[in-house]
């Protein structure tokens, strides 16, 4: 999905996503979108796109192993005290 679309904030903060962008992204009425505020600006994603983005950023990270190692260190620290 590539392209630039101009959106205008209307009354009560509403925006309208242009038809071409909705069709390209497969957006239909009721599709939930997530608005991220980042240092680089605003990012509008579907929940599925957000999930894919998080998975990509966490790629190769084993959160369970990290949590277990952290718990072991804490237990060792408590045992030493």
N, C-alpha and C. Protein backbone atom coordinates (compact mmCIF):
# COMPACT_ATOMS: atom_id res chain seq x y z
N UNK A 1 0.85 -1.16 0.00
CA UNK A 1 0.00 0.00 0.00
C UNK A 1 0.90 1.24 0.00
N UNK A 2 0.84 1.96 -1.05
CA UNK A 2 1.62 3.19 -1.15
C UNK A 2 0.69 4.30 -1.59
N UNK A 3 1.00 5.48 -1.15
CA UNK A 3 0.20 6.62 -1.58
C UNK A 3 0.10 7.65 -0.49
N UNK A 4 -0.24 8.83 -0.92
CA UNK A 4 -0.43 9.94 0.00
C UNK A 4 -1.86 10.43 -0.20
N UNK A 5 -2.55 10.58 0.88
CA UNK A 5 -3.94 11.06 0.83
C UNK A 5 -4.08 12.19 1.82
N UNK A 6 -4.80 13.20 1.44
CA UNK A 6 -5.05 14.33 2.32
C UNK A 6 -6.36 14.10 3.06
N UNK A 7 -6.29 14.21 4.37
CA UNK A 7 -7.47 14.09 5.22
C UNK A 7 -7.71 15.43 5.89
N UNK A 8 -8.95 15.76 6.07
CA UNK A 8 -9.30 17.01 6.74
C UNK A 8 -10.06 16.68 8.01
N UNK A 9 -9.64 17.28 9.10
CA UNK A 9 -10.33 17.07 10.37
C UNK A 9 -11.58 17.93 10.36
N UNK A 10 -12.71 17.27 10.53
CA UNK A 10 -13.98 17.98 10.51
C UNK A 10 -14.47 18.28 11.91
N UNK A 11 -15.75 18.61 11.97
CA UNK A 11 -16.34 18.92 13.26
C UNK A 11 -16.23 17.70 14.18
N UNK A 12 -16.04 17.95 15.43
CA UNK A 12 -15.93 16.92 16.45
C UNK A 12 -14.75 15.98 16.20
N UNK A 13 -13.73 16.43 15.44
CA UNK A 13 -12.52 15.66 15.25
C UNK A 13 -12.63 14.53 14.25
N UNK A 14 -13.66 14.48 13.49
CA UNK A 14 -13.85 13.38 12.54
C UNK A 14 -13.00 13.57 11.30
N UNK A 15 -12.53 12.43 10.78
CA UNK A 15 -11.81 12.44 9.50
C UNK A 15 -12.50 11.47 8.56
N UNK A 16 -12.34 11.69 7.28
CA UNK A 16 -12.90 10.80 6.27
C UNK A 16 -11.71 10.22 5.50
N UNK A 17 -11.65 8.88 5.44
CA UNK A 17 -10.60 8.22 4.68
C UNK A 17 -11.09 8.12 3.24
N UNK A 18 -10.31 8.63 2.28
CA UNK A 18 -10.74 8.62 0.88
C UNK A 18 -11.05 7.20 0.38
N UNK A 19 -11.98 7.10 -0.56
CA UNK A 19 -12.43 5.82 -1.09
C UNK A 19 -11.26 4.97 -1.57
N UNK A 20 -10.34 5.55 -2.33
CA UNK A 20 -9.21 4.79 -2.88
C UNK A 20 -8.39 4.16 -1.76
N UNK A 21 -8.16 4.89 -0.70
CA UNK A 21 -7.38 4.37 0.43
C UNK A 21 -8.16 3.28 1.16
N UNK A 22 -9.47 3.47 1.33
CA UNK A 22 -10.29 2.45 1.99
C UNK A 22 -10.30 1.16 1.19
N UNK A 23 -10.47 1.28 -0.12
CA UNK A 23 -10.49 0.09 -0.96
C UNK A 23 -9.16 -0.63 -0.95
N UNK A 24 -8.08 0.13 -1.05
CA UNK A 24 -6.74 -0.45 -1.07
C UNK A 24 -6.43 -1.18 0.24
N UNK A 25 -6.89 -0.62 1.36
CA UNK A 25 -6.62 -1.20 2.67
C UNK A 25 -7.68 -2.22 3.09
N UNK A 26 -8.74 -2.35 2.31
CA UNK A 26 -9.80 -3.29 2.66
C UNK A 26 -10.63 -2.82 3.84
N UNK A 27 -10.74 -1.52 4.03
CA UNK A 27 -11.53 -0.98 5.14
C UNK A 27 -13.00 -0.97 4.78
N UNK A 28 -13.81 -1.44 5.72
CA UNK A 28 -15.25 -1.40 5.55
C UNK A 28 -15.84 -0.74 6.78
N UNK A 29 -17.11 -0.40 6.71
CA UNK A 29 -17.75 0.22 7.86
C UNK A 29 -17.58 -0.65 9.09
N UNK A 30 -17.15 -0.06 10.19
CA UNK A 30 -16.96 -0.79 11.43
C UNK A 30 -15.54 -1.28 11.66
N UNK A 31 -14.65 -1.11 10.66
CA UNK A 31 -13.26 -1.52 10.84
C UNK A 31 -12.63 -0.67 11.93
N UNK A 32 -12.03 -1.33 12.93
CA UNK A 32 -11.37 -0.61 14.01
C UNK A 32 -9.98 -0.16 13.54
N UNK A 33 -9.67 1.09 13.81
CA UNK A 33 -8.36 1.65 13.48
C UNK A 33 -7.70 2.12 14.76
N UNK A 34 -6.36 2.08 14.77
CA UNK A 34 -5.56 2.52 15.91
C UNK A 34 -4.74 3.71 15.46
N UNK A 35 -4.81 4.80 16.20
CA UNK A 35 -4.03 6.00 15.89
C UNK A 35 -2.86 6.06 16.86
N UNK A 36 -1.65 5.96 16.32
CA UNK A 36 -0.44 6.06 17.13
C UNK A 36 0.11 7.47 17.02
N UNK A 37 0.49 8.04 18.13
CA UNK A 37 1.22 9.30 18.10
C UNK A 37 2.67 8.97 18.33
N UNK A 38 3.52 9.33 17.38
CA UNK A 38 4.94 9.04 17.44
C UNK A 38 5.72 10.34 17.33
N UNK A 39 7.00 10.31 17.66
CA UNK A 39 7.81 11.53 17.50
C UNK A 39 7.82 12.02 16.04
N UNK A 40 7.63 11.09 15.10
CA UNK A 40 7.63 11.46 13.68
C UNK A 40 6.29 11.89 13.15
N UNK A 41 5.24 11.76 13.95
CA UNK A 41 3.91 12.15 13.50
C UNK A 41 2.87 11.11 13.86
N UNK A 42 1.74 11.22 13.20
CA UNK A 42 0.62 10.31 13.46
C UNK A 42 0.67 9.14 12.50
N UNK A 43 0.30 7.95 13.01
CA UNK A 43 0.24 6.74 12.19
C UNK A 43 -1.12 6.10 12.41
N UNK A 44 -1.82 5.82 11.34
CA UNK A 44 -3.15 5.22 11.42
C UNK A 44 -3.05 3.80 10.88
N UNK A 45 -3.39 2.81 11.72
CA UNK A 45 -3.25 1.40 11.35
C UNK A 45 -4.51 0.63 11.72
N UNK A 46 -4.72 -0.49 11.01
CA UNK A 46 -5.74 -1.42 11.46
C UNK A 46 -5.14 -2.21 12.61
N UNK A 47 -5.95 -2.91 13.36
CA UNK A 47 -5.43 -3.73 14.47
C UNK A 47 -4.47 -4.79 13.95
N UNK A 48 -4.81 -5.37 12.79
CA UNK A 48 -3.95 -6.40 12.20
C UNK A 48 -2.60 -5.81 11.81
N UNK A 49 -2.59 -4.61 11.25
CA UNK A 49 -1.33 -3.95 10.88
C UNK A 49 -0.51 -3.64 12.12
N UNK A 50 -1.16 -3.21 13.19
CA UNK A 50 -0.45 -2.91 14.43
C UNK A 50 0.17 -4.18 15.00
N UNK A 51 -0.58 -5.27 15.00
CA UNK A 51 -0.07 -6.53 15.51
C UNK A 51 1.14 -6.98 14.70
N UNK A 52 1.06 -6.88 13.39
CA UNK A 52 2.19 -7.25 12.53
C UNK A 52 3.40 -6.36 12.81
N UNK A 53 3.16 -5.08 13.03
CA UNK A 53 4.25 -4.15 13.33
C UNK A 53 4.94 -4.49 14.65
N UNK A 54 4.14 -4.81 15.67
CA UNK A 54 4.71 -5.16 16.98
C UNK A 54 5.50 -6.45 16.86
N UNK A 55 4.94 -7.44 16.17
CA UNK A 55 5.66 -8.71 15.99
C UNK A 55 6.98 -8.49 15.27
N UNK A 56 6.98 -7.64 14.26
CA UNK A 56 8.22 -7.35 13.52
C UNK A 56 9.26 -6.68 14.42
N UNK A 57 8.81 -5.73 15.23
CA UNK A 57 9.74 -5.02 16.11
C UNK A 57 10.27 -5.92 17.21
N UNK A 58 9.49 -6.94 17.60
CA UNK A 58 9.92 -7.86 18.65
C UNK A 58 10.55 -9.12 18.06
N UNK A 59 10.71 -9.16 16.75
CA UNK A 59 11.27 -10.34 16.10
C UNK A 59 12.56 -10.79 16.75
N UNK A 60 12.63 -12.09 17.05
CA UNK A 60 13.83 -12.64 17.65
C UNK A 60 13.91 -12.46 19.16
N UNK A 61 12.97 -11.73 19.74
CA UNK A 61 12.99 -11.52 21.18
C UNK A 61 12.09 -12.57 21.83
N UNK A 62 12.64 -13.31 22.77
CA UNK A 62 11.86 -14.31 23.49
C UNK A 62 11.48 -13.72 24.84
N UNK A 63 10.29 -13.16 24.90
CA UNK A 63 9.85 -12.47 26.10
C UNK A 63 9.70 -13.40 27.30
N UNK A 64 9.33 -14.65 27.06
CA UNK A 64 9.17 -15.60 28.16
C UNK A 64 10.52 -15.87 28.81
N UNK A 65 11.55 -16.14 27.98
CA UNK A 65 12.89 -16.39 28.53
C UNK A 65 13.41 -15.17 29.27
N UNK A 66 13.16 -13.97 28.72
CA UNK A 66 13.61 -12.75 29.39
C UNK A 66 12.92 -12.59 30.75
N UNK A 67 11.63 -12.86 30.81
CA UNK A 67 10.89 -12.74 32.06
C UNK A 67 11.40 -13.76 33.08
N UNK A 68 11.61 -15.00 32.64
CA UNK A 68 12.12 -16.03 33.56
C UNK A 68 13.50 -15.66 34.09
N UNK A 69 14.37 -15.17 33.24
CA UNK A 69 15.71 -14.78 33.68
C UNK A 69 15.62 -13.64 34.69
N UNK A 70 14.73 -12.69 34.44
CA UNK A 70 14.55 -11.57 35.37
C UNK A 70 14.05 -12.07 36.72
N UNK A 71 13.10 -13.00 36.71
CA UNK A 71 12.57 -13.56 37.96
C UNK A 71 13.64 -14.34 38.72
N UNK A 72 14.48 -15.07 37.97
CA UNK A 72 15.56 -15.82 38.63
C UNK A 72 16.54 -14.88 39.31
N UNK A 73 16.89 -13.78 38.62
CA UNK A 73 17.81 -12.80 39.21
C UNK A 73 17.21 -12.19 40.46
N UNK A 74 15.93 -11.89 40.42
CA UNK A 74 15.25 -11.30 41.58
C UNK A 74 15.25 -12.30 42.74
N UNK A 75 14.99 -13.58 42.45
CA UNK A 75 14.96 -14.59 43.49
C UNK A 75 16.36 -14.77 44.09
N UNK A 76 17.39 -14.76 43.27
CA UNK A 76 18.76 -14.87 43.76
C UNK A 76 19.10 -13.69 44.66
N UNK A 77 18.67 -12.52 44.27
CA UNK A 77 18.92 -11.31 45.04
C UNK A 77 18.23 -11.41 46.41
N UNK A 78 16.99 -11.90 46.41
CA UNK A 78 16.25 -12.06 47.67
C UNK A 78 16.89 -13.12 48.55
N UNK A 79 17.38 -14.21 47.95
CA UNK A 79 18.03 -15.27 48.72
C UNK A 79 19.34 -14.80 49.34
N UNK A 80 20.03 -13.90 48.65
CA UNK A 80 21.31 -13.40 49.12
C UNK A 80 21.12 -12.40 50.28
N UNK A 81 19.95 -11.80 50.35
CA UNK A 81 19.70 -10.79 51.39
C UNK A 81 19.39 -11.37 52.73
